[in-house]
Amino acid sequence: MKAIVLTEFGGPEVLRVQEIPVPECGPGDILIRIHAAGVNRADLLERQGLYPPPDPRPEFQIPGLECAGVVVQVGQRVTRFREGDRVMALVSGGAYAEYVACPQDNAWLIPEELSDIEAAGIPEAFLTAYDALFDKAQLTMGQRVLIHAGAGGVGSAAIQLAHRAGLHVVTTVGSSKKVPRVLEFGAERAINYRERDFVEDVRAWSHGAGVDAVLDFIGQDYLSRNLASLKTGGVLVIIGTLSGGDASINLREVLSRRLNIRGTVLRSRPDYDKMHLIQEFQERTMAFFATGQLRAVIDKTFPLEQAGLAHQYMVTNQNVGKIILTVS
């Protein structure tokens, strides 16, 4: 099969197609013929050697954490799928390829109303957003949340999920062109962080109270300002560390204001943990994708062979929503 195999780390130019064997399908696995795969910021880190796959390490290091396609083989213990089923899947790696094998519990059926490209933009982005909002931050109707990078894949998913749950959403974006788009997703206010201090805007928007939670992808550069944006007892959920992972913190502020700091990542979780998250997500949200009330926002598609160009495009921060690789 064709796959993007990392034999060295570096810039987008290291993403080259190779011919390797089709992965084996274990007793509890399904083998998926991939039609589309989502591109995530984590893929950029992996390409640079900064986000290795979890143990046991695969024979071939292939990026890609989410995909959509057709089941072409099922393991002996598989009961939920049969050959020919259209599925989307959350994988620990391997989605930049023509085929991937994954545990049956990490995949679910694609609603008839969705294309493979739309479905490929759901697993990693929406599960990350769902977990951050409702498990880590434990937000409920009427509360306020600051979602950074609202025009990105996870950000656009988080705004939609939060809006549907009756939350009040303020978000940050990097250009004025993105402001009307994130308002369409359900944000009540969008702050261009290149022009304004989001802490001041958040305080004004929340009438001085601060927000109940912050979903952050930036890390180091935003830590103190994120804490300043929280109300007493608020929760900072760290999803990424794009500006770096080392940061100092005023512990007295955390103590006196009873603040909570939590982290979340999907890739390194055990399969049973992912299974529970996927089941809850399906039960509470998948029906809304079929009716169009939730959607994966697709910005641009690239063929698998142009994965390097897809990464270059993501680095420029031009996208609103997901970047998708298509596999012919």
C-alpha atoms as a PDB file:
ATOM      1  CA  MET A   1       0.000   0.000   0.000  1.00  0.00           C
ATOM      2  CA  LYS A   2       0.979   3.652  -0.286  1.00  0.00           C
ATOM      3  CA  ALA A   3       1.735   5.484   2.945  1.00  0.00           C
ATOM      4  CA  ILE A   4       3.548   8.547   4.257  1.00  0.00           C
ATOM      5  CA  VAL A   5       6.333   6.974   6.326  1.00  0.00           C
ATOM      6  CA  LEU A   6       8.573   9.064   8.567  1.00  0.00           C
ATOM      7  CA  THR A   7      12.111   7.806   8.026  1.00  0.00           C
ATOM      8  CA  GLU A   8      13.541  11.127   9.199  1.00  0.00           C
ATOM      9  CA  PHE A   9      12.253  14.203  10.994  1.00  0.00           C
ATOM     10  CA  GLY A  10      12.158  17.750   9.719  1.00  0.00           C
ATOM     11  CA  GLY A  11      10.123  20.062   7.538  1.00  0.00           C
ATOM     12  CA  PRO A  12       7.185  19.203   5.265  1.00  0.00           C
ATOM     13  CA  GLU A  13       9.595  17.843   2.664  1.00  0.00           C
ATOM     14  CA  VAL A  14      10.141  14.670   4.740  1.00  0.00           C
ATOM     15  CA  LEU A  15       6.534  13.600   4.061  1.00  0.00           C
ATOM     16  CA  ARG A  16       7.118  11.211   1.175  1.00  0.00           C
ATOM     17  CA  VAL A  17       4.971   8.362  -0.113  1.00  0.00           C
ATOM     18  CA  GLN A  18       6.423   4.867   0.173  1.00  0.00           C
ATOM     19  CA  GLU A  19       5.196   1.367  -0.644  1.00  0.00           C
ATOM     20  CA  ILE A  20       4.880  -0.806   2.473  1.00  0.00           C
ATOM     21  CA  PRO A  21       2.858  -3.916   3.388  1.00  0.00           C
ATOM     22  CA  VAL A  22      -0.809  -3.591   4.310  1.00  0.00           C
ATOM     23  CA  PRO A  23      -1.116  -3.765   8.126  1.00  0.00           C
ATOM     24  CA  GLU A  24      -2.302  -6.997   9.690  1.00  0.00           C
ATOM     25  CA  CYS A  25      -5.826  -7.157  11.054  1.00  0.00           C
ATOM     26  CA  GLY A  26      -5.839  -8.545  14.588  1.00  0.00           C
ATOM     27  CA  PRO A  27      -8.652 -10.623  16.128  1.00  0.00           C
ATOM     28  CA  GLY A  28     -10.409  -7.550  17.560  1.00  0.00           C
ATOM     29  CA  ASP A  29      -9.486  -5.199  14.739  1.00  0.00           C
ATOM     30  CA  ILE A  30     -11.024  -3.934  11.552  1.00  0.00           C
ATOM     31  CA  LEU A  31      -8.990  -3.117   8.460  1.00  0.00           C
ATOM     32  CA  ILE A  32     -10.110   0.141   6.855  1.00  0.00           C
ATOM     33  CA  ARG A  33      -9.527   1.169   3.267  1.00  0.00           C
ATOM     34  CA  ILE A  34      -8.954   4.872   3.874  1.00  0.00           C
ATOM     35  CA  HIS A  35     -10.686   7.418   1.667  1.00  0.00           C
ATOM     36  CA  ALA A  36      -9.872  10.547   3.686  1.00  0.00           C
ATOM     37  CA  ALA A  37      -7.731  11.482   6.700  1.00  0.00           C
ATOM     38  CA  GLY A  38      -7.702  14.579   8.891  1.00  0.00           C
ATOM     39  CA  VAL A  39      -4.604  16.724   9.367  1.00  0.00           C
ATOM     40  CA  ASN A  40      -3.953  17.889  12.935  1.00  0.00           C
ATOM     41  CA  ARG A  41      -1.396  20.082  14.696  1.00  0.00           C
ATOM     42  CA  ALA A  42      -0.131  16.956  16.413  1.00  0.00           C
ATOM     43  CA  ASP A  43       0.915  15.643  12.986  1.00  0.00           C
ATOM     44  CA  LEU A  44       3.171  18.653  12.535  1.00  0.00           C
ATOM     45  CA  LEU A  45       4.843  17.915  15.867  1.00  0.00           C
ATOM     46  CA  GLU A  46       5.273  14.250  14.990  1.00  0.00           C
ATOM     47  CA  ARG A  47       6.868  15.197  11.683  1.00  0.00           C
ATOM     48  CA  GLN A  48       9.437  17.188  13.664  1.00  0.00           C
ATOM     49  CA  GLY A  49      10.145  14.296  16.048  1.00  0.00           C
ATOM     50  CA  LEU A  50       8.351  16.000  18.961  1.00  0.00           C
ATOM     51  CA  TYR A  51       5.305  13.714  19.297  1.00  0.00           C
ATOM     52  CA  PRO A  52       6.279  10.046  19.074  1.00  0.00           C
ATOM     53  CA  PRO A  53       3.654   7.302  18.758  1.00  0.00           C
ATOM     54  CA  PRO A  54       2.761   5.451  21.972  1.00  0.00           C
ATOM     55  CA  ASP A  55       4.222   2.036  22.776  1.00  0.00           C
ATOM     56  CA  PRO A  56       4.377  -0.491  21.325  1.00  0.00           C
ATOM     57  CA  ARG A  57       6.130   1.434  18.576  1.00  0.00           C
ATOM     58  CA  PRO A  58       4.926   0.500  15.071  1.00  0.00           C
ATOM     59  CA  GLU A  59       7.289  -0.951  12.481  1.00  0.00           C
ATOM     60  CA  PHE A  60       6.512   2.012  10.210  1.00  0.00           C
ATOM     61  CA  GLN A  61       5.897   5.452  11.734  1.00  0.00           C
ATOM     62  CA  ILE A  62       2.953   6.861   9.788  1.00  0.00           C
ATOM     63  CA  PRO A  63       1.281  10.106  10.932  1.00  0.00           C
ATOM     64  CA  GLY A  64      -2.465  10.585  11.051  1.00  0.00           C
ATOM     65  CA  LEU A  65      -4.901  10.311  13.979  1.00  0.00           C
ATOM     66  CA  GLU A  66      -8.300  10.191  12.268  1.00  0.00           C
ATOM     67  CA  CYS A  67      -9.737   8.775   9.079  1.00  0.00           C
ATOM     68  CA  ALA A  68     -12.828   7.676   7.199  1.00  0.00           C
ATOM     69  CA  GLY A  69     -13.258   4.823   4.750  1.00  0.00           C
ATOM     70  CA  VAL A  70     -14.648   1.348   4.203  1.00  0.00           C
ATOM     71  CA  VAL A  71     -14.129  -1.833   6.228  1.00  0.00           C
ATOM     72  CA  VAL A  72     -12.418  -4.435   4.014  1.00  0.00           C
ATOM     73  CA  GLN A  73     -11.591  -7.058   6.650  1.00  0.00           C
ATOM     74  CA  VAL A  74     -12.771  -7.915  10.169  1.00  0.00           C
ATOM     75  CA  GLY A  75     -10.976  -9.883  12.881  1.00  0.00           C
ATOM     76  CA  GLN A  76     -12.355 -13.094  14.357  1.00  0.00           C
ATOM     77  CA  ARG A  77     -13.675 -11.380  17.496  1.00  0.00           C
ATOM     78  CA  VAL A  78     -15.261  -8.414  15.718  1.00  0.00           C
ATOM     79  CA  THR A  79     -19.014  -8.182  16.250  1.00  0.00           C
ATOM     80  CA  ARG A  80     -19.860  -4.557  15.495  1.00  0.00           C
ATOM     81  CA  PHE A  81     -18.833  -4.296  11.840  1.00  0.00           C
ATOM     82  CA  ARG A  82     -18.818  -6.229   8.604  1.00  0.00           C
ATOM     83  CA  GLU A  83     -17.045  -5.767   5.305  1.00  0.00           C
ATOM     84  CA  GLY A  84     -18.427  -2.873   3.304  1.00  0.00           C
ATOM     85  CA  ASP A  85     -19.398  -0.708   6.291  1.00  0.00           C
ATOM     86  CA  ARG A  86     -18.502   2.970   5.995  1.00  0.00           C
ATOM     87  CA  VAL A  87     -16.694   4.019   9.163  1.00  0.00           C
ATOM     88  CA  MET A  88     -14.767   6.847  10.766  1.00  0.00           C
ATOM     89  CA  ALA A  89     -12.053   6.029  13.267  1.00  0.00           C
ATOM     90  CA  LEU A  90      -9.784   7.485  15.920  1.00  0.00           C
ATOM     91  CA  VAL A  91      -6.341   5.896  15.551  1.00  0.00           C
ATOM     92  CA  SER A  92      -3.028   6.225  17.363  1.00  0.00           C
ATOM     93  CA  GLY A  93      -1.257   6.799  14.056  1.00  0.00           C
ATOM     94  CA  GLY A  94      -1.246   5.398  10.555  1.00  0.00           C
ATOM     95  CA  ALA A  95      -4.012   7.426   8.866  1.00  0.00           C
ATOM     96  CA  TYR A  96      -1.730   8.937   6.190  1.00  0.00           C
ATOM     97  CA  ALA A  97      -2.036   5.726   4.199  1.00  0.00           C
ATOM     98  CA  GLU A  98      -4.301   3.611   2.009  1.00  0.00           C
ATOM     99  CA  TYR A  99      -5.115   1.172   4.823  1.00  0.00           C
ATOM    100  CA  VAL A 100      -5.117   1.192   8.611  1.00  0.00           C
ATOM    101  CA  ALA A 101      -6.024  -1.452  11.212  1.00  0.00           C
ATOM    102  CA  CYS A 102      -7.658  -0.331  14.439  1.00  0.00           C
ATOM    103  CA  PRO A 103      -9.635  -1.836  17.336  1.00  0.00           C
ATOM    104  CA  GLN A 104     -13.319  -2.111  16.495  1.00  0.00           C
ATOM    105  CA  ASP A 105     -14.225  -0.002  19.541  1.00  0.00           C
ATOM    106  CA  ASN A 106     -12.287   2.981  18.168  1.00  0.00           C
ATOM    107  CA  ALA A 107     -14.479   3.223  15.060  1.00  0.00           C
ATOM    108  CA  TRP A 108     -18.112   4.008  14.387  1.00  0.00           C
ATOM    109  CA  LEU A 109     -20.465   4.122  11.424  1.00  0.00           C
ATOM    110  CA  ILE A 110     -20.659   7.167   9.174  1.00  0.00           C
ATOM    111  CA  PRO A 111     -24.191   8.593   8.864  1.00  0.00           C
ATOM    112  CA  GLU A 112     -25.557   8.311   5.331  1.00  0.00           C
ATOM    113  CA  GLU A 113     -25.816  12.089   5.123  1.00  0.00           C
ATOM    114  CA  LEU A 114     -22.036  12.615   5.485  1.00  0.00           C
ATOM    115  CA  SER A 115     -19.309  12.257   2.886  1.00  0.00           C
ATOM    116  CA  ASP A 116     -16.037  10.527   3.723  1.00  0.00           C
ATOM    117  CA  ILE A 117     -14.288  13.907   3.668  1.00  0.00           C
ATOM    118  CA  GLU A 118     -16.717  15.343   6.220  1.00  0.00           C
ATOM    119  CA  ALA A 119     -16.475  12.225   8.384  1.00  0.00           C
ATOM    120  CA  ALA A 120     -12.660  12.334   8.397  1.00  0.00           C
ATOM    121  CA  GLY A 121     -12.825  15.721  10.094  1.00  0.00           C
ATOM    122  CA  ILE A 122     -14.811  14.479  13.086  1.00  0.00           C
ATOM    123  CA  PRO A 123     -12.958  11.913  15.266  1.00  0.00           C
ATOM    124  CA  GLU A 124      -9.875  13.690  16.617  1.00  0.00           C
ATOM    125  CA  ALA A 125     -11.270  17.223  16.550  1.00  0.00           C
ATOM    126  CA  PHE A 126     -14.714  16.610  18.013  1.00  0.00           C
ATOM    127  CA  LEU A 127     -13.646  13.998  20.567  1.00  0.00           C
ATOM    128  CA  THR A 128     -10.899  16.310  21.838  1.00  0.00           C
ATOM    129  CA  ALA A 129     -13.342  19.199  22.089  1.00  0.00           C
ATOM    130  CA  TYR A 130     -16.051  17.073  23.718  1.00  0.00           C
ATOM    131  CA  ASP A 131     -13.621  15.668  26.286  1.00  0.00           C
ATOM    132  CA  ALA A 132     -12.240  19.104  27.155  1.00  0.00           C
ATOM    133  CA  LEU A 133     -15.656  20.748  27.553  1.00  0.00           C
ATOM    134  CA  PHE A 134     -17.665  18.093  29.327  1.00  0.00           C
ATOM    135  CA  ASP A 135     -15.202  15.742  31.027  1.00  0.00           C
ATOM    136  CA  LYS A 136     -12.247  17.914  31.971  1.00  0.00           C
ATOM    137  CA  ALA A 137     -14.062  21.249  32.468  1.00  0.00           C
ATOM    138  CA  GLN A 138     -17.444  19.650  33.341  1.00  0.00           C
ATOM    139  CA  LEU A 139     -19.317  22.617  31.923  1.00  0.00           C
ATOM    140  CA  THR A 140     -23.099  22.888  32.074  1.00  0.00           C
ATOM    141  CA  MET A 141     -25.765  25.071  30.480  1.00  0.00           C
ATOM    142  CA  GLY A 142     -25.400  28.785  31.082  1.00  0.00           C
ATOM    143  CA  GLN A 143     -21.699  28.790  31.956  1.00  0.00           C
ATOM    144  CA  ARG A 144     -19.066  30.813  30.098  1.00  0.00           C
ATOM    145  CA  VAL A 145     -16.065  29.418  28.224  1.00  0.00           C
ATOM    146  CA  LEU A 146     -13.108  30.980  26.409  1.00  0.00           C
ATOM    147  CA  ILE A 147     -12.036  28.827  23.456  1.00  0.00           C
ATOM    148  CA  HIS A 148      -8.730  29.788  21.878  1.00  0.00           C
ATOM    149  CA  ALA A 149      -8.009  29.204  18.173  1.00  0.00           C
ATOM    150  CA  GLY A 150     -11.708  29.171  17.375  1.00  0.00           C
ATOM    151  CA  ALA A 151     -11.132  28.891  13.620  1.00  0.00           C
ATOM    152  CA  GLY A 152      -9.084  25.698  13.875  1.00  0.00           C
ATOM    153  CA  GLY A 153     -10.344  22.136  13.654  1.00  0.00           C
ATOM    154  CA  VAL A 154     -10.739  21.544  17.391  1.00  0.00           C
ATOM    155  CA  GLY A 155     -11.738  25.143  18.040  1.00  0.00           C
ATOM    156  CA  SER A 156     -14.551  25.124  15.472  1.00  0.00           C
ATOM    157  CA  ALA A 157     -15.759  21.799  16.898  1.00  0.00           C
ATOM    158  CA  ALA A 158     -15.625  23.088  20.476  1.00  0.00           C
ATOM    159  CA  ILE A 159     -17.602  26.242  19.655  1.00  0.00           C
ATOM    160  CA  GLN A 160     -20.357  24.201  18.020  1.00  0.00           C
ATOM    161  CA  LEU A 161     -20.550  21.687  20.862  1.00  0.00           C
ATOM    162  CA  ALA A 162     -20.546  24.420  23.484  1.00  0.00           C
ATOM    163  CA  HIS A 163     -23.248  26.402  21.694  1.00  0.00           C
ATOM    164  CA  ARG A 164     -25.476  23.333  21.380  1.00  0.00           C
ATOM    165  CA  ALA A 165     -25.044  22.670  25.109  1.00  0.00           C
ATOM    166  CA  GLY A 166     -26.267  26.159  25.997  1.00  0.00           C
ATOM    167  CA  LEU A 167     -22.868  27.577  26.939  1.00  0.00           C
ATOM    168  CA  HIS A 168     -21.817  31.173  26.338  1.00  0.00           C
ATOM    169  CA  VAL A 169     -18.716  31.211  24.134  1.00  0.00           C
ATOM    170  CA  VAL A 170     -15.995  33.803  23.596  1.00  0.00           C
ATOM    171  CA  THR A 171     -13.159  32.854  21.258  1.00  0.00           C
ATOM    172  CA  THR A 172      -9.880  34.150  19.861  1.00  0.00           C
ATOM    173  CA  VAL A 173      -8.818  34.242  16.219  1.00  0.00           C
ATOM    174  CA  GLY A 174      -5.764  35.492  14.352  1.00  0.00           C
ATOM    175  CA  SER A 175      -7.384  37.658  11.680  1.00  0.00           C
ATOM    176  CA  SER A 176     -10.438  39.852  11.168  1.00  0.00           C
ATOM    177  CA  LYS A 177     -11.517  37.635   8.260  1.00  0.00           C
ATOM    178  CA  LYS A 178     -12.101  34.761  10.664  1.00  0.00           C
ATOM    179  CA  VAL A 179     -14.349  36.723  13.026  1.00  0.00           C
ATOM    180  CA  PRO A 180     -17.639  36.293  11.116  1.00  0.00           C
ATOM    181  CA  ARG A 181     -16.929  32.592  10.554  1.00  0.00           C
ATOM    182  CA  VAL A 182     -16.530  31.723  14.231  1.00  0.00           C
ATOM    183  CA  LEU A 183     -19.639  33.744  15.064  1.00  0.00           C
ATOM    184  CA  GLU A 184     -21.479  31.491  12.602  1.00  0.00           C
ATOM    185  CA  PHE A 185     -20.314  28.468  14.618  1.00  0.00           C
ATOM    186  CA  GLY A 186     -22.016  29.830  17.740  1.00  0.00           C
ATOM    187  CA  ALA A 187     -19.510  32.110  19.461  1.00  0.00           C
ATOM    188  CA  GLU A 188     -21.019  35.229  21.024  1.00  0.00           C
ATOM    189  CA  ARG A 189     -17.815  37.218  20.765  1.00  0.00           C
ATOM    190  CA  ALA A 190     -14.619  36.817  18.728  1.00  0.00           C
ATOM    191  CA  ILE A 191     -11.379  38.565  19.696  1.00  0.00           C
ATOM    192  CA  ASN A 192      -8.583  39.172  17.196  1.00  0.00           C
ATOM    193  CA  TYR A 193      -5.631  38.450  19.479  1.00  0.00           C
ATOM    194  CA  ARG A 194      -3.279  40.317  17.130  1.00  0.00           C
ATOM    195  CA  GLU A 195      -5.147  43.550  17.799  1.00  0.00           C
ATOM    196  CA  ARG A 196      -6.607  43.272  21.314  1.00  0.00           C
ATOM    197  CA  ASP A 197      -5.759  41.903  24.757  1.00  0.00           C
ATOM    198  CA  PHE A 198      -8.118  38.980  25.195  1.00  0.00           C
ATOM    199  CA  VAL A 199      -8.006  39.258  29.002  1.00  0.00           C
ATOM    200  CA  GLU A 200      -9.527  42.744  28.947  1.00  0.00           C
ATOM    201  CA  ASP A 201     -12.149  41.717  26.389  1.00  0.00           C
ATOM    202  CA  VAL A 202     -13.081  38.587  28.322  1.00  0.00           C
ATOM    203  CA  ARG A 203     -13.524  40.581  31.531  1.00  0.00           C
ATOM    204  CA  ALA A 204     -15.708  43.131  29.767  1.00  0.00           C
ATOM    205  CA  TRP A 205     -17.761  40.430  28.026  1.00  0.00           C
ATOM    206  CA  SER A 206     -18.285  38.557  31.315  1.00  0.00           C
ATOM    207  CA  HIS A 207     -19.134  41.767  33.221  1.00  0.00           C
ATOM    208  CA  GLY A 208     -15.980  41.440  35.273  1.00  0.00           C
ATOM    209  CA  ALA A 209     -16.667  37.905  36.486  1.00  0.00           C
ATOM    210  CA  GLY A 210     -14.326  35.940  34.211  1.00  0.00           C
ATOM    211  CA  VAL A 211     -15.108  32.646  32.493  1.00  0.00           C
ATOM    212  CA  ASP A 212     -15.820  29.242  34.011  1.00  0.00           C
ATOM    213  CA  ALA A 213     -13.280  27.545  31.745  1.00  0.00           C
ATOM    214  CA  VAL A 214     -10.562  28.198  29.178  1.00  0.00           C
ATOM    215  CA  LEU A 215      -9.665  25.727  26.416  1.00  0.00           C
ATOM    216  CA  ASP A 216      -6.075  26.443  25.425  1.00  0.00           C
ATOM    217  CA  PHE A 217      -3.795  25.185  22.646  1.00  0.00           C
ATOM    218  CA  ILE A 218      -0.976  27.719  23.111  1.00  0.00           C
ATOM    219  CA  GLY A 219       0.601  26.836  26.459  1.00  0.00           C
ATOM    220  CA  GLN A 220       3.573  28.848  27.671  1.00  0.00           C
ATOM    221  CA  ASP A 221       2.753  32.290  26.256  1.00  0.00           C
ATOM    222  CA  TYR A 222      -0.878  32.250  27.395  1.00  0.00           C
ATOM    223  CA  LEU A 223      -0.635  30.668  30.849  1.00  0.00           C
ATOM    224  CA  SER A 224      -0.754  33.780  33.061  1.00  0.00           C
ATOM    225  CA  ARG A 225      -3.388  35.464  30.890  1.00  0.00           C
ATOM    226  CA  ASN A 226      -5.517  32.330  30.829  1.00  0.00           C
ATOM    227  CA  LEU A 227      -5.504  32.219  34.630  1.00  0.00           C
ATOM    228  CA  ALA A 228      -6.377  35.919  34.737  1.00  0.00           C
ATOM    229  CA  SER A 229      -9.378  35.243  32.483  1.00  0.00           C
ATOM    230  CA  LEU A 230     -10.860  32.634  34.823  1.00  0.00           C
ATOM    231  CA  LYS A 231     -13.413  33.289  37.513  1.00  0.00           C
ATOM    232  CA  THR A 232     -12.769  31.969  41.026  1.00  0.00           C
ATOM    233  CA  GLY A 233     -12.922  28.163  40.888  1.00  0.00           C
ATOM    234  CA  GLY A 234     -12.512  28.160  37.100  1.00  0.00           C
ATOM    235  CA  VAL A 235     -10.813  25.454  35.034  1.00  0.00           C
ATOM    236  CA  LEU A 236      -7.965  25.817  32.547  1.00  0.00           C
ATOM    237  CA  VAL A 237      -7.911  22.854  30.143  1.00  0.00           C
ATOM    238  CA  ILE A 238      -4.603  22.538  28.288  1.00  0.00           C
ATOM    239  CA  ILE A 239      -5.021  20.813  24.912  1.00  0.00           C
ATOM    240  CA  GLY A 240      -1.775  21.898  23.244  1.00  0.00           C
ATOM    241  CA  THR A 241       1.490  23.741  23.853  1.00  0.00           C
ATOM    242  CA  LEU A 242       2.190  25.449  20.540  1.00  0.00           C
ATOM    243  CA  SER A 243       4.286  28.194  22.156  1.00  0.00           C
ATOM    244  CA  GLY A 244       6.185  25.799  24.414  1.00  0.00           C
ATOM    245  CA  GLY A 245       5.626  23.565  27.397  1.00  0.00           C
ATOM    246  CA  ASP A 246       7.737  25.288  30.053  1.00  0.00           C
ATOM    247  CA  ALA A 247       6.025  28.072  31.976  1.00  0.00           C
ATOM    248  CA  SER A 248       6.143  29.620  35.439  1.00  0.00           C
ATOM    249  CA  ILE A 249       2.982  29.969  37.473  1.00  0.00           C
ATOM    250  CA  ASN A 250       1.870  32.041  40.460  1.00  0.00           C
ATOM    251  CA  LEU A 251       0.792  29.317  42.854  1.00  0.00           C
ATOM    252  CA  ARG A 252      -0.648  31.830  45.318  1.00  0.00           C
ATOM    253  CA  GLU A 253      -3.105  32.907  42.645  1.00  0.00           C
ATOM    254  CA  VAL A 254      -4.090  29.278  42.058  1.00  0.00           C
ATOM    255  CA  LEU A 255      -4.602  28.755  45.784  1.00  0.00           C
ATOM    256  CA  SER A 256      -6.417  31.968  46.616  1.00  0.00           C
ATOM    257  CA  ARG A 257      -8.790  31.755  43.654  1.00  0.00           C
ATOM    258  CA  ARG A 258      -9.155  27.951  43.855  1.00  0.00           C
ATOM    259  CA  LEU A 259      -8.229  27.503  40.182  1.00  0.00           C
ATOM    260  CA  ASN A 260      -7.972  24.145  38.422  1.00  0.00           C
ATOM    261  CA  ILE A 261      -5.497  23.196  35.706  1.00  0.00           C
ATOM    262  CA  ARG A 262      -6.125  20.025  33.716  1.00  0.00           C
ATOM    263  CA  GLY A 263      -4.539  18.487  30.652  1.00  0.00           C
ATOM    264  CA  THR A 264      -5.986  16.243  27.995  1.00  0.00           C
ATOM    265  CA  VAL A 265      -4.637  14.161  25.127  1.00  0.00           C
ATOM    266  CA  LEU A 266      -6.247  11.300  23.217  1.00  0.00           C
ATOM    267  CA  ARG A 267      -3.388   9.504  21.493  1.00  0.00           C
ATOM    268  CA  SER A 268      -1.686   7.945  24.497  1.00  0.00           C
ATOM    269  CA  ARG A 269      -4.872   6.837  26.264  1.00  0.00           C
ATOM    270  CA  PRO A 270      -5.599   3.119  26.572  1.00  0.00           C
ATOM    271  CA  ASP A 271      -8.118   1.764  24.077  1.00  0.00           C
ATOM    272  CA  TYR A 272     -10.777   1.125  26.737  1.00  0.00           C
ATOM    273  CA  ASP A 273     -10.624   4.808  27.741  1.00  0.00           C
ATOM    274  CA  LYS A 274     -11.074   5.886  24.127  1.00  0.00           C
ATOM    275  CA  MET A 275     -13.924   3.400  23.770  1.00  0.00           C
ATOM    276  CA  HIS A 276     -15.896   4.962  26.649  1.00  0.00           C
ATOM    277  CA  LEU A 277     -15.351   8.456  25.272  1.00  0.00           C
ATOM    278  CA  ILE A 278     -16.447   7.400  21.772  1.00  0.00           C
ATOM    279  CA  GLN A 279     -19.562   5.674  23.094  1.00  0.00           C
ATOM    280  CA  GLU A 280     -20.626   8.714  25.099  1.00  0.00           C
ATOM    281  CA  PHE A 281     -19.904  11.023  22.182  1.00  0.00           C
ATOM    282  CA  GLN A 282     -21.975   8.862  19.832  1.00  0.00           C
ATOM    283  CA  GLU A 283     -24.929   8.705  22.188  1.00  0.00           C
ATOM    284  CA  ARG A 284     -25.011  12.428  22.868  1.00  0.00           C
ATOM    285  CA  THR A 285     -23.983  14.054  19.587  1.00  0.00           C
ATOM    286  CA  MET A 286     -23.885  11.917  16.423  1.00  0.00           C
ATOM    287  CA  ALA A 287     -27.568  12.449  15.630  1.00  0.00           C
ATOM    288  CA  PHE A 288     -26.842  16.161  15.227  1.00  0.00           C
ATOM    289  CA  PHE A 289     -24.361  15.485  12.417  1.00  0.00           C
ATOM    290  CA  ALA A 290     -27.027  13.654  10.436  1.00  0.00           C
ATOM    291  CA  THR A 291     -29.360  16.664  10.718  1.00  0.00           C
ATOM    292  CA  GLY A 292     -26.656  19.248  10.015  1.00  0.00           C
ATOM    293  CA  GLN A 293     -26.868  20.826  13.461  1.00  0.00           C
ATOM    294  CA  LEU A 294     -23.221  19.871  13.966  1.00  0.00           C
ATOM    295  CA  ARG A 295     -20.701  19.650  11.152  1.00  0.00           C
ATOM    296  CA  ALA A 296     -17.044  19.198  10.515  1.00  0.00           C
ATOM    297  CA  VAL A 297     -15.939  22.478   8.979  1.00  0.00           C
ATOM    298  CA  ILE A 298     -13.781  21.560   5.969  1.00  0.00           C
ATOM    299  CA  ASP A 299     -11.415  24.248   4.739  1.00  0.00           C
ATOM    300  CA  LYS A 300      -9.335  22.511   2.072  1.00  0.00           C
ATOM    301  CA  THR A 301      -8.400  19.055   0.770  1.00  0.00           C
ATOM    302  CA  PHE A 302      -5.079  17.762  -0.549  1.00  0.00           C
ATOM    303  CA  PRO A 303      -4.259  14.380  -2.119  1.00  0.00           C
ATOM    304  CA  LEU A 304      -2.178  12.095   0.092  1.00  0.00           C
ATOM    305  CA  GLU A 305       0.845  12.649  -2.137  1.00  0.00           C
ATOM    306  CA  GLN A 306       0.701  16.367  -1.251  1.00  0.00           C
ATOM    307  CA  ALA A 307       0.760  15.899   2.525  1.00  0.00           C
ATOM    308  CA  GLY A 308       3.754  18.237   2.685  1.00  0.00           C
ATOM    309  CA  LEU A 309       1.744  21.020   1.070  1.00  0.00           C
ATOM    310  CA  ALA A 310      -1.087  20.362   3.528  1.00  0.00           C
ATOM    311  CA  HIS A 311       1.347  20.823   6.414  1.00  0.00           C
ATOM    312  CA  GLN A 312       2.744  24.001   4.888  1.00  0.00           C
ATOM    313  CA  TYR A 313      -0.786  25.354   4.539  1.00  0.00           C
ATOM    314  CA  MET A 314      -1.594  24.572   8.187  1.00  0.00           C
ATOM    315  CA  VAL A 315       1.562  26.347   9.355  1.00  0.00           C
ATOM    316  CA  THR A 316       0.361  29.576   7.698  1.00  0.00           C
ATOM    317  CA  ASN A 317      -2.797  29.547   9.883  1.00  0.00           C
ATOM    318  CA  GLN A 318      -4.999  30.431   6.932  1.00  0.00           C
ATOM    319  CA  ASN A 319      -7.481  27.612   7.461  1.00  0.00           C
ATOM    320  CA  VAL A 320     -10.920  27.870   8.987  1.00  0.00           C
ATOM    321  CA  GLY A 321     -11.766  24.348  10.086  1.00  0.00           C
ATOM    322  CA  LYS A 322     -10.184  21.097   8.989  1.00  0.00           C
ATOM    323  CA  ILE A 323      -7.570  20.263   6.373  1.00  0.00           C
ATOM    324  CA  ILE A 324      -8.179  16.834   4.853  1.00  0.00           C
ATOM    325  CA  LEU A 325      -6.006  14.411   2.880  1.00  0.00           C
ATOM    326  CA  THR A 326      -7.827  12.398   0.235  1.00  0.00           C
ATOM    327  CA  VAL A 327      -6.666   8.921  -0.696  1.00  0.00           C
ATOM    328  CA  SER A 328      -7.527   7.827  -4.235  1.00  0.00           C
END
